[in-house]
Amino acid sequence: MTEEDFNKLIEELKVDLKIYDEMIKDVSLDMIAEGFTQYPVFIATEHEVKLGELILEKNDHAATYSIYATTLEEMVDKQLVLESKKAEFIRTYKDPKKFMCIMLLTATVASFVFVPYKS
């Protein structure tokens, strides 16, 4: 995948995140407040995945990506983040009150991005 193609995907994601911003922030803060995790992760994907819970269906919002909520812990349990990389992930994880942690998952890309909340 070229850098141009990747940037195009990121731009599509940003359009969707303008719609989803407040809802993702609310879910993230609830996950932390209720003690589920200190590291919420949101999967943006065009396809159904068997990870986390579907919280925002793309067809309900005229969006490109559906959003699933999961945790770093679940990703380690399912070996999507290796135990040996967990500490590194935590070091790079940004303040969940200010940034959403998105795993962009497409047929050609699996990449983590941190996007600031607009609110």
PDB file of N, CA and C in Angstrom:
ATOM      1  N   MET A   1       0.844  -1.175   0.000  1.00  0.00           N
ATOM      2  CA  MET A   1       0.000   0.000   0.000  1.00  0.00           C
ATOM      3  C   MET A   1       0.891   1.242   0.000  1.00  0.00           C
ATOM      4  N   THR A   2       0.549   2.164  -0.857  1.00  0.00           N
ATOM      5  CA  THR A   2       1.334   3.388  -0.952  1.00  0.00           C
ATOM      6  C   THR A   2       0.939   4.349   0.178  1.00  0.00           C
ATOM      7  N   GLU A   3       1.797   5.305   0.422  1.00  0.00           N
ATOM      8  CA  GLU A   3       1.498   6.327   1.427  1.00  0.00           C
ATOM      9  C   GLU A   3       0.260   7.122   1.019  1.00  0.00           C
ATOM     10  N   GLU A   4       0.122   7.361  -0.271  1.00  0.00           N
ATOM     11  CA  GLU A   4      -1.049   8.085  -0.772  1.00  0.00           C
ATOM     12  C   GLU A   4      -2.343   7.310  -0.488  1.00  0.00           C
ATOM     13  N   ASP A   5      -2.315   5.997  -0.719  1.00  0.00           N
ATOM     14  CA  ASP A   5      -3.488   5.161  -0.437  1.00  0.00           C
ATOM     15  C   ASP A   5      -3.814   5.168   1.059  1.00  0.00           C
ATOM     16  N   PHE A   6      -2.778   5.071   1.895  1.00  0.00           N
ATOM     17  CA  PHE A   6      -2.976   5.089   3.341  1.00  0.00           C
ATOM     18  C   PHE A   6      -3.580   6.426   3.770  1.00  0.00           C
ATOM     19  N   ASN A   7      -3.066   7.514   3.242  1.00  0.00           N
ATOM     20  CA  ASN A   7      -3.588   8.837   3.591  1.00  0.00           C
ATOM     21  C   ASN A   7      -5.046   8.994   3.173  1.00  0.00           C
ATOM     22  N   LYS A   8      -5.424   8.372   2.050  1.00  0.00           N
ATOM     23  CA  LYS A   8      -6.812   8.404   1.601  1.00  0.00           C
ATOM     24  C   LYS A   8      -7.721   7.694   2.623  1.00  0.00           C
ATOM     25  N   LEU A   9      -7.259   6.551   3.135  1.00  0.00           N
ATOM     26  CA  LEU A   9      -8.018   5.832   4.166  1.00  0.00           C
ATOM     27  C   LEU A   9      -8.158   6.674   5.433  1.00  0.00           C
ATOM     28  N   ILE A  10      -7.083   7.338   5.816  1.00  0.00           N
ATOM     29  CA  ILE A  10      -7.120   8.184   7.014  1.00  0.00           C
ATOM     30  C   ILE A  10      -8.112   9.333   6.821  1.00  0.00           C
ATOM     31  N   GLU A  11      -8.159   9.903   5.652  1.00  0.00           N
ATOM     32  CA  GLU A  11      -9.108  10.988   5.382  1.00  0.00           C
ATOM     33  C   GLU A  11     -10.551  10.483   5.470  1.00  0.00           C
ATOM     34  N   GLU A  12     -10.815   9.285   4.938  1.00  0.00           N
ATOM     35  CA  GLU A  12     -12.153   8.681   5.073  1.00  0.00           C
ATOM     36  C   GLU A  12     -12.492   8.480   6.544  1.00  0.00           C
ATOM     37  N   LEU A  13     -11.528   7.993   7.297  1.00  0.00           N
ATOM     38  CA  LEU A  13     -11.731   7.754   8.728  1.00  0.00           C
ATOM     39  C   LEU A  13     -12.055   9.065   9.442  1.00  0.00           C
ATOM     40  N   LYS A  14     -11.338  10.120   9.126  1.00  0.00           N
ATOM     41  CA  LYS A  14     -11.574  11.414   9.772  1.00  0.00           C
ATOM     42  C   LYS A  14     -12.996  11.912   9.524  1.00  0.00           C
ATOM     43  N   VAL A  15     -13.524  11.684   8.328  1.00  0.00           N
ATOM     44  CA  VAL A  15     -14.900  12.081   8.025  1.00  0.00           C
ATOM     45  C   VAL A  15     -15.861  11.348   8.956  1.00  0.00           C
ATOM     46  N   ASP A  16     -15.676  10.041   9.101  1.00  0.00           N
ATOM     47  CA  ASP A  16     -16.539   9.260   9.989  1.00  0.00           C
ATOM     48  C   ASP A  16     -16.387   9.692  11.441  1.00  0.00           C
ATOM     49  N   LEU A  17     -15.165   9.985  11.852  1.00  0.00           N
ATOM     50  CA  LEU A  17     -14.932  10.329  13.254  1.00  0.00           C
ATOM     51  C   LEU A  17     -15.579  11.657  13.627  1.00  0.00           C
ATOM     52  N   LYS A  18     -15.820  12.513  12.655  1.00  0.00           N
ATOM     53  CA  LYS A  18     -16.566  13.747  12.936  1.00  0.00           C
ATOM     54  C   LYS A  18     -17.992  13.409  13.378  1.00  0.00           C
ATOM     55  N   ILE A  19     -18.545  12.351  12.803  1.00  0.00           N
ATOM     56  CA  ILE A  19     -19.890  11.896  13.164  1.00  0.00           C
ATOM     57  C   ILE A  19     -19.859  11.184  14.517  1.00  0.00           C
ATOM     58  N   TYR A  20     -18.845  10.362  14.724  1.00  0.00           N
ATOM     59  CA  TYR A  20     -18.781   9.460  15.877  1.00  0.00           C
ATOM     60  C   TYR A  20     -18.117  10.047  17.124  1.00  0.00           C
ATOM     61  N   ASP A  21     -17.453  11.177  16.999  1.00  0.00           N
ATOM     62  CA  ASP A  21     -16.592  11.732  18.043  1.00  0.00           C
ATOM     63  C   ASP A  21     -17.183  11.659  19.454  1.00  0.00           C
ATOM     64  N   GLU A  22     -18.303  12.286  19.672  1.00  0.00           N
ATOM     65  CA  GLU A  22     -18.885  12.360  21.018  1.00  0.00           C
ATOM     66  C   GLU A  22     -19.283  10.986  21.538  1.00  0.00           C
ATOM     67  N   MET A  23     -19.822  10.145  20.663  1.00  0.00           N
ATOM     68  CA  MET A  23     -20.244   8.806  21.095  1.00  0.00           C
ATOM     69  C   MET A  23     -19.040   7.969  21.515  1.00  0.00           C
ATOM     70  N   ILE A  24     -17.961   8.046  20.766  1.00  0.00           N
ATOM     71  CA  ILE A  24     -16.757   7.291  21.114  1.00  0.00           C
ATOM     72  C   ILE A  24     -16.183   7.807  22.435  1.00  0.00           C
ATOM     73  N   LYS A  25     -16.147   9.116  22.600  1.00  0.00           N
ATOM     74  CA  LYS A  25     -15.621   9.680  23.848  1.00  0.00           C
ATOM     75  C   LYS A  25     -16.446   9.206  25.041  1.00  0.00           C
ATOM     76  N   ASP A  26     -17.768   9.224  24.923  1.00  0.00           N
ATOM     77  CA  ASP A  26     -18.635   8.773  26.009  1.00  0.00           C
ATOM     78  C   ASP A  26     -18.369   7.307  26.358  1.00  0.00           C
ATOM     79  N   VAL A  27     -18.274   6.464  25.349  1.00  0.00           N
ATOM     80  CA  VAL A  27     -18.022   5.038  25.586  1.00  0.00           C
ATOM     81  C   VAL A  27     -16.649   4.850  26.229  1.00  0.00           C
ATOM     82  N   SER A  28     -15.656   5.563  25.733  1.00  0.00           N
ATOM     83  CA  SER A  28     -14.304   5.457  26.275  1.00  0.00           C
ATOM     84  C   SER A  28     -14.277   5.822  27.756  1.00  0.00           C
ATOM     85  N   LEU A  29     -14.866   6.952  28.093  1.00  0.00           N
ATOM     86  CA  LEU A  29     -14.867   7.396  29.493  1.00  0.00           C
ATOM     87  C   LEU A  29     -15.681   6.453  30.373  1.00  0.00           C
ATOM     88  N   ASP A  30     -16.778   5.895  29.850  1.00  0.00           N
ATOM     89  CA  ASP A  30     -17.560   4.908  30.601  1.00  0.00           C
ATOM     90  C   ASP A  30     -16.751   3.638  30.858  1.00  0.00           C
ATOM     91  N   MET A  31     -16.018   3.171  29.845  1.00  0.00           N
ATOM     92  CA  MET A  31     -15.208   1.958  30.009  1.00  0.00           C
ATOM     93  C   MET A  31     -14.173   2.148  31.119  1.00  0.00           C
ATOM     94  N   ILE A  32     -13.601   3.336  31.180  1.00  0.00           N
ATOM     95  CA  ILE A  32     -12.603   3.633  32.205  1.00  0.00           C
ATOM     96  C   ILE A  32     -13.278   3.772  33.577  1.00  0.00           C
ATOM     97  N   ALA A  33     -14.358   4.555  33.643  1.00  0.00           N
ATOM     98  CA  ALA A  33     -15.050   4.810  34.907  1.00  0.00           C
ATOM     99  C   ALA A  33     -15.602   3.529  35.528  1.00  0.00           C
ATOM    100  N   GLU A  34     -16.053   2.607  34.679  1.00  0.00           N
ATOM    101  CA  GLU A  34     -16.628   1.356  35.180  1.00  0.00           C
ATOM    102  C   GLU A  34     -15.576   0.289  35.448  1.00  0.00           C
ATOM    103  N   GLY A  35     -14.315   0.626  35.232  1.00  0.00           N
ATOM    104  CA  GLY A  35     -13.224  -0.282  35.580  1.00  0.00           C
ATOM    105  C   GLY A  35     -12.948  -1.387  34.585  1.00  0.00           C
ATOM    106  N   PHE A  36     -13.482  -1.266  33.357  1.00  0.00           N
ATOM    107  CA  PHE A  36     -13.228  -2.295  32.349  1.00  0.00           C
ATOM    108  C   PHE A  36     -11.782  -2.251  31.859  1.00  0.00           C
ATOM    109  N   THR A  37     -11.246  -1.048  31.748  1.00  0.00           N
ATOM    110  CA  THR A  37      -9.903  -0.883  31.202  1.00  0.00           C
ATOM    111  C   THR A  37      -9.423   0.540  31.430  1.00  0.00           C
ATOM    112  N   GLN A  38      -8.144   0.722  31.369  1.00  0.00           N
ATOM    113  CA  GLN A  38      -7.556   2.057  31.306  1.00  0.00           C
ATOM    114  C   GLN A  38      -7.150   2.369  29.864  1.00  0.00           C
ATOM    115  N   TYR A  39      -7.340   1.365  28.979  1.00  0.00           N
ATOM    116  CA  TYR A  39      -6.869   1.483  27.597  1.00  0.00           C
ATOM    117  C   TYR A  39      -7.951   1.065  26.605  1.00  0.00           C
ATOM    118  N   PRO A  40      -8.984   1.902  26.431  1.00  0.00           N
ATOM    119  CA  PRO A  40      -9.994   1.590  25.416  1.00  0.00           C
ATOM    120  C   PRO A  40      -9.397   1.690  24.014  1.00  0.00           C
ATOM    121  N   VAL A  41      -9.838   0.781  23.152  1.00  0.00           N
ATOM    122  CA  VAL A  41      -9.415   0.781  21.756  1.00  0.00           C
ATOM    123  C   VAL A  41     -10.684   0.647  20.913  1.00  0.00           C
ATOM    124  N   PHE A  42     -10.752   1.437  19.851  1.00  0.00           N
ATOM    125  CA  PHE A  42     -11.911   1.413  18.962  1.00  0.00           C
ATOM    126  C   PHE A  42     -11.460   0.962  17.581  1.00  0.00           C
ATOM    127  N   ILE A  43     -12.118  -0.066  17.083  1.00  0.00           N
ATOM    128  CA  ILE A  43     -11.770  -0.628  15.780  1.00  0.00           C
ATOM    129  C   ILE A  43     -12.685  -0.016  14.732  1.00  0.00           C
ATOM    130  N   ALA A  44     -12.081   0.617  13.747  1.00  0.00           N
ATOM    131  CA  ALA A  44     -12.827   1.180  12.618  1.00  0.00           C
ATOM    132  C   ALA A  44     -12.643   0.219  11.452  1.00  0.00           C
ATOM    133  N   THR A  45     -13.738  -0.372  10.989  1.00  0.00           N
ATOM    134  CA  THR A  45     -13.641  -1.383   9.947  1.00  0.00           C
ATOM    135  C   THR A  45     -14.865  -1.347   9.035  1.00  0.00           C
ATOM    136  N   GLU A  46     -14.660  -1.775   7.817  1.00  0.00           N
ATOM    137  CA  GLU A  46     -15.758  -1.869   6.862  1.00  0.00           C
ATOM    138  C   GLU A  46     -16.492  -3.202   6.982  1.00  0.00           C
ATOM    139  N   HIS A  47     -15.888  -4.137   7.694  1.00  0.00           N
ATOM    140  CA  HIS A  47     -16.413  -5.497   7.777  1.00  0.00           C
ATOM    141  C   HIS A  47     -16.702  -5.877   9.225  1.00  0.00           C
ATOM    142  N   GLU A  48     -17.480  -6.918   9.414  1.00  0.00           N
ATOM    143  CA  GLU A  48     -17.743  -7.437  10.746  1.00  0.00           C
ATOM    144  C   GLU A  48     -16.471  -8.075  11.298  1.00  0.00           C
ATOM    145  N   VAL A  49     -16.207  -7.852  12.584  1.00  0.00           N
ATOM    146  CA  VAL A  49     -15.063  -8.486  13.243  1.00  0.00           C
ATOM    147  C   VAL A  49     -15.535  -9.186  14.504  1.00  0.00           C
ATOM    148  N   LYS A  50     -14.751 -10.149  14.930  1.00  0.00           N
ATOM    149  CA  LYS A  50     -15.080 -10.896  16.149  1.00  0.00           C
ATOM    150  C   LYS A  50     -14.156 -10.441  17.269  1.00  0.00           C
ATOM    151  N   LEU A  51     -14.248  -9.161  17.546  1.00  0.00           N
ATOM    152  CA  LEU A  51     -13.426  -8.554  18.578  1.00  0.00           C
ATOM    153  C   LEU A  51     -14.204  -7.387  19.149  1.00  0.00           C
ATOM    154  N   GLY A  52     -14.316  -7.336  20.453  1.00  0.00           N
ATOM    155  CA  GLY A  52     -15.032  -6.241  21.083  1.00  0.00           C
ATOM    156  C   GLY A  52     -16.516  -6.294  20.789  1.00  0.00           C
ATOM    157  N   GLU A  53     -17.146  -5.124  20.950  1.00  0.00           N
ATOM    158  CA  GLU A  53     -18.584  -5.009  20.709  1.00  0.00           C
ATOM    159  C   GLU A  53     -18.860  -3.924  19.689  1.00  0.00           C
ATOM    160  N   LEU A  54     -19.759  -4.208  18.777  1.00  0.00           N
ATOM    161  CA  LEU A  54     -20.184  -3.208  17.810  1.00  0.00           C
ATOM    162  C   LEU A  54     -20.930  -2.108  18.553  1.00  0.00           C
ATOM    163  N   ILE A  55     -20.453  -0.869  18.420  1.00  0.00           N
ATOM    164  CA  ILE A  55     -21.137   0.239  19.087  1.00  0.00           C
ATOM    165  C   ILE A  55     -21.737   1.229  18.088  1.00  0.00           C
ATOM    166  N   LEU A  56     -21.175   1.286  16.879  1.00  0.00           N
ATOM    167  CA  LEU A  56     -21.684   2.201  15.870  1.00  0.00           C
ATOM    168  C   LEU A  56     -21.658   1.502  14.509  1.00  0.00           C
ATOM    169  N   GLU A  57     -22.834   1.258  13.981  1.00  0.00           N
ATOM    170  CA  GLU A  57     -22.969   0.554  12.696  1.00  0.00           C
ATOM    171  C   GLU A  57     -22.935   1.576  11.559  1.00  0.00           C
ATOM    172  N   LYS A  58     -22.053   1.370  10.602  1.00  0.00           N
ATOM    173  CA  LYS A  58     -21.855   2.336   9.510  1.00  0.00           C
ATOM    174  C   LYS A  58     -23.146   2.644   8.753  1.00  0.00           C
ATOM    175  N   ASN A  59     -23.993   1.640   8.536  1.00  0.00           N
ATOM    176  CA  ASN A  59     -25.228   1.852   7.770  1.00  0.00           C
ATOM    177  C   ASN A  59     -26.226   2.736   8.521  1.00  0.00           C
ATOM    178  N   ASP A  60     -26.135   2.766   9.847  1.00  0.00           N
ATOM    179  CA  ASP A  60     -27.025   3.612  10.640  1.00  0.00           C
ATOM    180  C   ASP A  60     -26.611   5.079  10.591  1.00  0.00           C
ATOM    181  N   HIS A  61     -25.382   5.334  10.160  1.00  0.00           N
ATOM    182  CA  HIS A  61     -24.844   6.695  10.195  1.00  0.00           C
ATOM    183  C   HIS A  61     -24.344   7.175   8.832  1.00  0.00           C
ATOM    184  N   ALA A  62     -24.673   6.445   7.775  1.00  0.00           N
ATOM    185  CA  ALA A  62     -24.201   6.782   6.428  1.00  0.00           C
ATOM    186  C   ALA A  62     -22.689   7.025   6.438  1.00  0.00           C
ATOM    187  N   ALA A  63     -21.972   6.077   7.023  1.00  0.00           N
ATOM    188  CA  ALA A  63     -20.527   6.201   7.193  1.00  0.00           C
ATOM    189  C   ALA A  63     -19.805   5.088   6.434  1.00  0.00           C
ATOM    190  N   THR A  64     -18.501   5.217   6.348  1.00  0.00           N
ATOM    191  CA  THR A  64     -17.671   4.201   5.698  1.00  0.00           C
ATOM    192  C   THR A  64     -17.339   3.063   6.650  1.00  0.00           C
ATOM    193  N   TYR A  65     -17.103   3.419   7.918  1.00  0.00           N
ATOM    194  CA  TYR A  65     -16.615   2.448   8.898  1.00  0.00           C
ATOM    195  C   TYR A  65     -17.598   2.242  10.044  1.00  0.00           C
ATOM    196  N   SER A  66     -17.730   0.987  10.458  1.00  0.00           N
ATOM    197  CA  SER A  66     -18.394   0.666  11.717  1.00  0.00           C
ATOM    198  C   SER A  66     -17.341   0.731  12.809  1.00  0.00           C
ATOM    199  N   ILE A  67     -17.794   0.946  14.043  1.00  0.00           N
ATOM    200  CA  ILE A  67     -16.870   1.075  15.164  1.00  0.00           C
ATOM    201  C   ILE A  67     -17.188   0.004  16.205  1.00  0.00           C
ATOM    202  N   TYR A  68     -16.145  -0.717  16.592  1.00  0.00           N
ATOM    203  CA  TYR A  68     -16.218  -1.713  17.648  1.00  0.00           C
ATOM    204  C   TYR A  68     -15.397  -1.216  18.828  1.00  0.00           C
ATOM    205  N   ALA A  69     -15.889  -1.428  20.035  1.00  0.00           N
ATOM    206  CA  ALA A  69     -15.148  -1.061  21.243  1.00  0.00           C
ATOM    207  C   ALA A  69     -14.503  -2.307  21.818  1.00  0.00           C
ATOM    208  N   THR A  70     -13.222  -2.201  22.126  1.00  0.00           N
ATOM    209  CA  THR A  70     -12.503  -3.289  22.769  1.00  0.00           C
ATOM    210  C   THR A  70     -11.503  -2.687  23.755  1.00  0.00           C
ATOM    211  N   THR A  71     -10.649  -3.518  24.277  1.00  0.00           N
ATOM    212  CA  THR A  71      -9.658  -3.072  25.255  1.00  0.00           C
ATOM    213  C   THR A  71      -8.287  -3.615  24.880  1.00  0.00           C
ATOM    214  N   LEU A  72      -7.274  -2.974  25.389  1.00  0.00           N
ATOM    215  CA  LEU A  72      -5.924  -3.501  25.204  1.00  0.00           C
ATOM    216  C   LEU A  72      -5.844  -4.918  25.753  1.00  0.00           C
ATOM    217  N   GLU A  73      -6.463  -5.150  26.892  1.00  0.00           N
ATOM    218  CA  GLU A  73      -6.411  -6.469  27.517  1.00  0.00           C
ATOM    219  C   GLU A  73      -6.988  -7.558  26.603  1.00  0.00           C
ATOM    220  N   GLU A  74      -8.120  -7.276  25.960  1.00  0.00           N
ATOM    221  CA  GLU A  74      -8.707  -8.255  25.038  1.00  0.00           C
ATOM    222  C   GLU A  74      -7.787  -8.469  23.839  1.00  0.00           C
ATOM    223  N   MET A  75      -7.163  -7.407  23.374  1.00  0.00           N
ATOM    224  CA  MET A  75      -6.263  -7.534  22.226  1.00  0.00           C
ATOM    225  C   MET A  75      -5.033  -8.367  22.579  1.00  0.00           C
ATOM    226  N   VAL A  76      -4.562  -8.264  23.804  1.00  0.00           N
ATOM    227  CA  VAL A  76      -3.445  -9.102  24.260  1.00  0.00           C
ATOM    228  C   VAL A  76      -3.926 -10.549  24.396  1.00  0.00           C
ATOM    229  N   ASP A  77      -5.107 -10.740  25.000  1.00  0.00           N
ATOM    230  CA  ASP A  77      -5.662 -12.095  25.150  1.00  0.00           C
ATOM    231  C   ASP A  77      -5.806 -12.800  23.802  1.00  0.00           C
ATOM    232  N   LYS A  78      -6.191 -12.058  22.772  1.00  0.00           N
ATOM    233  CA  LYS A  78      -6.390 -12.643  21.439  1.00  0.00           C
ATOM    234  C   LYS A  78      -5.125 -12.564  20.583  1.00  0.00           C
ATOM    235  N   GLN A  79      -4.026 -12.142  21.205  1.00  0.00           N
ATOM    236  CA  GLN A  79      -2.707 -12.074  20.580  1.00  0.00           C
ATOM    237  C   GLN A  79      -2.642 -11.145  19.368  1.00  0.00           C
ATOM    238  N   LEU A  80      -3.487 -10.113  19.379  1.00  0.00           N
ATOM    239  CA  LEU A  80      -3.393  -9.075  18.355  1.00  0.00           C
ATOM    240  C   LEU A  80      -2.328  -8.055  18.743  1.00  0.00           C
ATOM    241  N   VAL A  81      -2.116  -7.922  20.037  1.00  0.00           N
ATOM    242  CA  VAL A  81      -0.972  -7.192  20.586  1.00  0.00           C
ATOM    243  C   VAL A  81      -0.215  -8.225  21.411  1.00  0.00           C
ATOM    244  N   LEU A  82       1.030  -8.446  21.067  1.00  0.00           N
ATOM    245  CA  LEU A  82       1.821  -9.442  21.780  1.00  0.00           C
ATOM    246  C   LEU A  82       2.094  -8.981  23.203  1.00  0.00           C
ATOM    247  N   GLU A  83       2.093  -9.919  24.124  1.00  0.00           N
ATOM    248  CA  GLU A  83       2.400  -9.622  25.527  1.00  0.00           C
ATOM    249  C   GLU A  83       3.717  -8.849  25.628  1.00  0.00           C
ATOM    250  N   SER A  84       4.689  -9.225  24.815  1.00  0.00           N
ATOM    251  CA  SER A  84       5.999  -8.566  24.835  1.00  0.00           C
ATOM    252  C   SER A  84       5.933  -7.118  24.332  1.00  0.00           C
ATOM    253  N   LYS A  85       4.865  -6.749  23.651  1.00  0.00           N
ATOM    254  CA  LYS A  85       4.698  -5.388  23.126  1.00  0.00           C
ATOM    255  C   LYS A  85       3.713  -4.548  23.952  1.00  0.00           C
ATOM    256  N   LYS A  86       3.124  -5.159  24.980  1.00  0.00           N
ATOM    257  CA  LYS A  86       2.108  -4.482  25.778  1.00  0.00           C
ATOM    258  C   LYS A  86       2.663  -3.215  26.439  1.00  0.00           C
ATOM    259  N   ALA A  87       3.820  -3.305  27.060  1.00  0.00           N
ATOM    260  CA  ALA A  87       4.410  -2.131  27.730  1.00  0.00           C
ATOM    261  C   ALA A  87       4.692  -1.016  26.731  1.00  0.00           C
ATOM    262  N   GLU A  88       5.157  -1.373  25.554  1.00  0.00           N
ATOM    263  CA  GLU A  88       5.417  -0.375  24.513  1.00  0.00           C
ATOM    264  C   GLU A  88       4.114   0.295  24.069  1.00  0.00           C
ATOM    265  N   PHE A  89       3.062  -0.502  23.926  1.00  0.00           N
ATOM    266  CA  PHE A  89       1.752   0.042  23.561  1.00  0.00           C
ATOM    267  C   PHE A  89       1.291   1.042  24.622  1.00  0.00           C
ATOM    268  N   ILE A  90       1.424   0.673  25.895  1.00  0.00           N
ATOM    269  CA  ILE A  90       1.004   1.542  26.991  1.00  0.00           C
ATOM    270  C   ILE A  90       1.807   2.844  26.989  1.00  0.00           C
ATOM    271  N   ARG A  91       3.103   2.757  26.703  1.00  0.00           N
ATOM    272  CA  ARG A  91       3.942   3.964  26.652  1.00  0.00           C
ATOM    273  C   ARG A  91       3.493   4.926  25.551  1.00  0.00           C
ATOM    274  N   THR A  92       3.045   4.392  24.432  1.00  0.00           N
ATOM    275  CA  THR A  92       2.651   5.250  23.315  1.00  0.00           C
ATOM    276  C   THR A  92       1.177   5.654  23.369  1.00  0.00           C
ATOM    277  N   TYR A  93       0.411   5.006  24.244  1.00  0.00           N
ATOM    278  CA  TYR A  93      -1.020   5.295  24.373  1.00  0.00           C
ATOM    279  C   TYR A  93      -1.202   6.723  24.870  1.00  0.00           C
ATOM    280  N   LYS A  94      -2.079   7.470  24.231  1.00  0.00           N
ATOM    281  CA  LYS A  94      -2.311   8.868  24.592  1.00  0.00           C
ATOM    282  C   LYS A  94      -3.488   8.989  25.559  1.00  0.00           C
ATOM    283  N   ASP A  95      -3.569  10.094  26.250  1.00  0.00           N
ATOM    284  CA  ASP A  95      -4.610  10.362  27.245  1.00  0.00           C
ATOM    285  C   ASP A  95      -5.998  10.111  26.648  1.00  0.00           C
ATOM    286  N   PRO A  96      -6.735   9.112  27.173  1.00  0.00           N
ATOM    287  CA  PRO A  96      -8.035   8.765  26.594  1.00  0.00           C
ATOM    288  C   PRO A  96      -9.117   9.822  26.839  1.00  0.00           C
ATOM    289  N   LYS A  97      -8.816  10.830  27.653  1.00  0.00           N
ATOM    290  CA  LYS A  97      -9.763  11.941  27.828  1.00  0.00           C
ATOM    291  C   LYS A  97      -9.614  12.957  26.697  1.00  0.00           C
ATOM    292  N   LYS A  98      -8.475  12.893  26.002  1.00  0.00           N
ATOM    293  CA  LYS A  98      -8.196  13.845  24.933  1.00  0.00           C
ATOM    294  C   LYS A  98      -8.107  13.199  23.548  1.00  0.00           C
ATOM    295  N   PHE A  99      -7.778  11.898  23.505  1.00  0.00           N
ATOM    296  CA  PHE A  99      -7.564  11.202  22.237  1.00  0.00           C
ATOM    297  C   PHE A  99      -8.322   9.883  22.212  1.00  0.00           C
ATOM    298  N   MET A 100      -8.826   9.529  21.030  1.00  0.00           N
ATOM    299  CA  MET A 100      -9.377   8.188  20.829  1.00  0.00           C
ATOM    300  C   MET A 100      -8.289   7.331  20.181  1.00  0.00           C
ATOM    301  N   CYS A 101      -8.173   6.113  20.658  1.00  0.00           N
ATOM    302  CA  CYS A 101      -7.241   5.145  20.077  1.00  0.00           C
ATOM    303  C   CYS A 101      -8.038   4.323  19.079  1.00  0.00           C
ATOM    304  N   ILE A 102      -7.688   4.472  17.816  1.00  0.00           N
ATOM    305  CA  ILE A 102      -8.402   3.784  16.734  1.00  0.00           C
ATOM    306  C   ILE A 102      -7.482   2.768  16.081  1.00  0.00           C
ATOM    307  N   MET A 103      -7.983   1.559  15.932  1.00  0.00           N
ATOM    308  CA  MET A 103      -7.297   0.572  15.108  1.00  0.00           C
ATOM    309  C   MET A 103      -8.048   0.562  13.780  1.00  0.00           C
ATOM    310  N   LEU A 104      -7.430   1.105  12.751  1.00  0.00           N
ATOM    311  CA  LEU A 104      -8.020   1.098  11.416  1.00  0.00           C
ATOM    312  C   LEU A 104      -7.747  -0.268  10.811  1.00  0.00           C
ATOM    313  N   LEU A 105      -8.812  -0.969  10.483  1.00  0.00           N
ATOM    314  CA  LEU A 105      -8.699  -2.338  10.007  1.00  0.00           C
ATOM    315  C   LEU A 105      -9.456  -2.471   8.691  1.00  0.00           C
ATOM    316  N   THR A 106      -8.687  -2.622   7.610  1.00  0.00           N
ATOM    317  CA  THR A 106      -9.282  -2.814   6.288  1.00  0.00           C
ATOM    318  C   THR A 106      -8.683  -4.085   5.682  1.00  0.00           C
ATOM    319  N   ALA A 107      -9.048  -4.366   4.458  1.00  0.00           N
ATOM    320  CA  ALA A 107      -8.495  -5.538   3.781  1.00  0.00           C
ATOM    321  C   ALA A 107      -6.986  -5.411   3.582  1.00  0.00           C
ATOM    322  N   THR A 108      -6.481  -4.175   3.563  1.00  0.00           N
ATOM    323  CA  THR A 108      -5.059  -3.959   3.281  1.00  0.00           C
ATOM    324  C   THR A 108      -4.286  -3.301   4.415  1.00  0.00           C
ATOM    325  N   VAL A 109      -4.980  -2.855   5.472  1.00  0.00           N
ATOM    326  CA  VAL A 109      -4.318  -2.099   6.544  1.00  0.00           C
ATOM    327  C   VAL A 109      -4.802  -2.553   7.912  1.00  0.00           C
ATOM    328  N   ALA A 110      -3.875  -2.638   8.838  1.00  0.00           N
ATOM    329  CA  ALA A 110      -4.178  -2.777  10.265  1.00  0.00           C
ATOM    330  C   ALA A 110      -3.201  -1.840  10.961  1.00  0.00           C
ATOM    331  N   SER A 111      -3.715  -0.682  11.392  1.00  0.00           N
ATOM    332  CA  SER A 111      -2.830   0.339  11.935  1.00  0.00           C
ATOM    333  C   SER A 111      -3.518   1.092  13.070  1.00  0.00           C
ATOM    334  N   PHE A 112      -2.752   1.394  14.124  1.00  0.00           N
ATOM    335  CA  PHE A 112      -3.262   2.203  15.232  1.00  0.00           C
ATOM    336  C   PHE A 112      -3.022   3.670  14.933  1.00  0.00           C
ATOM    337  N   VAL A 113      -4.036   4.480  15.202  1.00  0.00           N
ATOM    338  CA  VAL A 113      -3.902   5.923  15.100  1.00  0.00           C
ATOM    339  C   VAL A 113      -4.573   6.548  16.332  1.00  0.00           C
ATOM    340  N   PHE A 114      -4.018   7.656  16.784  1.00  0.00           N
ATOM    341  CA  PHE A 114      -4.608   8.400  17.891  1.00  0.00           C
ATOM    342  C   PHE A 114      -5.155   9.694  17.323  1.00  0.00           C
ATOM    343  N   VAL A 115      -6.436   9.926  17.557  1.00  0.00           N
ATOM    344  CA  VAL A 115      -7.116  11.086  16.984  1.00  0.00           C
ATOM    345  C   VAL A 115      -7.673  11.923  18.125  1.00  0.00           C
ATOM    346  N   PRO A 116      -7.370  13.221  18.148  1.00  0.00           N
ATOM    347  CA  PRO A 116      -7.916  14.059  19.215  1.00  0.00           C
ATOM    348  C   PRO A 116      -9.424  14.203  19.082  1.00  0.00           C
ATOM    349  N   TYR A 117     -10.099  14.237  20.239  1.00  0.00           N
ATOM    350  CA  TYR A 117     -11.530  14.523  20.220  1.00  0.00           C
ATOM    351  C   TYR A 117     -11.729  15.977  19.847  1.00  0.00           C
ATOM    352  N   LYS A 118     -12.790  16.249  19.124  1.00  0.00           N
ATOM    353  CA  LYS A 118     -13.063  17.630  18.752  1.00  0.00           C
ATOM    354  C   LYS A 118     -13.698  18.387  19.905  1.00  0.00           C
ATOM    355  N   SER A 119     -14.361  17.645  20.802  1.00  0.00           N
ATOM    356  CA  SER A 119     -15.029  18.290  21.931  1.00  0.00           C
ATOM    357  C   SER A 119     -14.181  18.247  23.177  1.00  0.00           C
TER     358      SER A 119
END
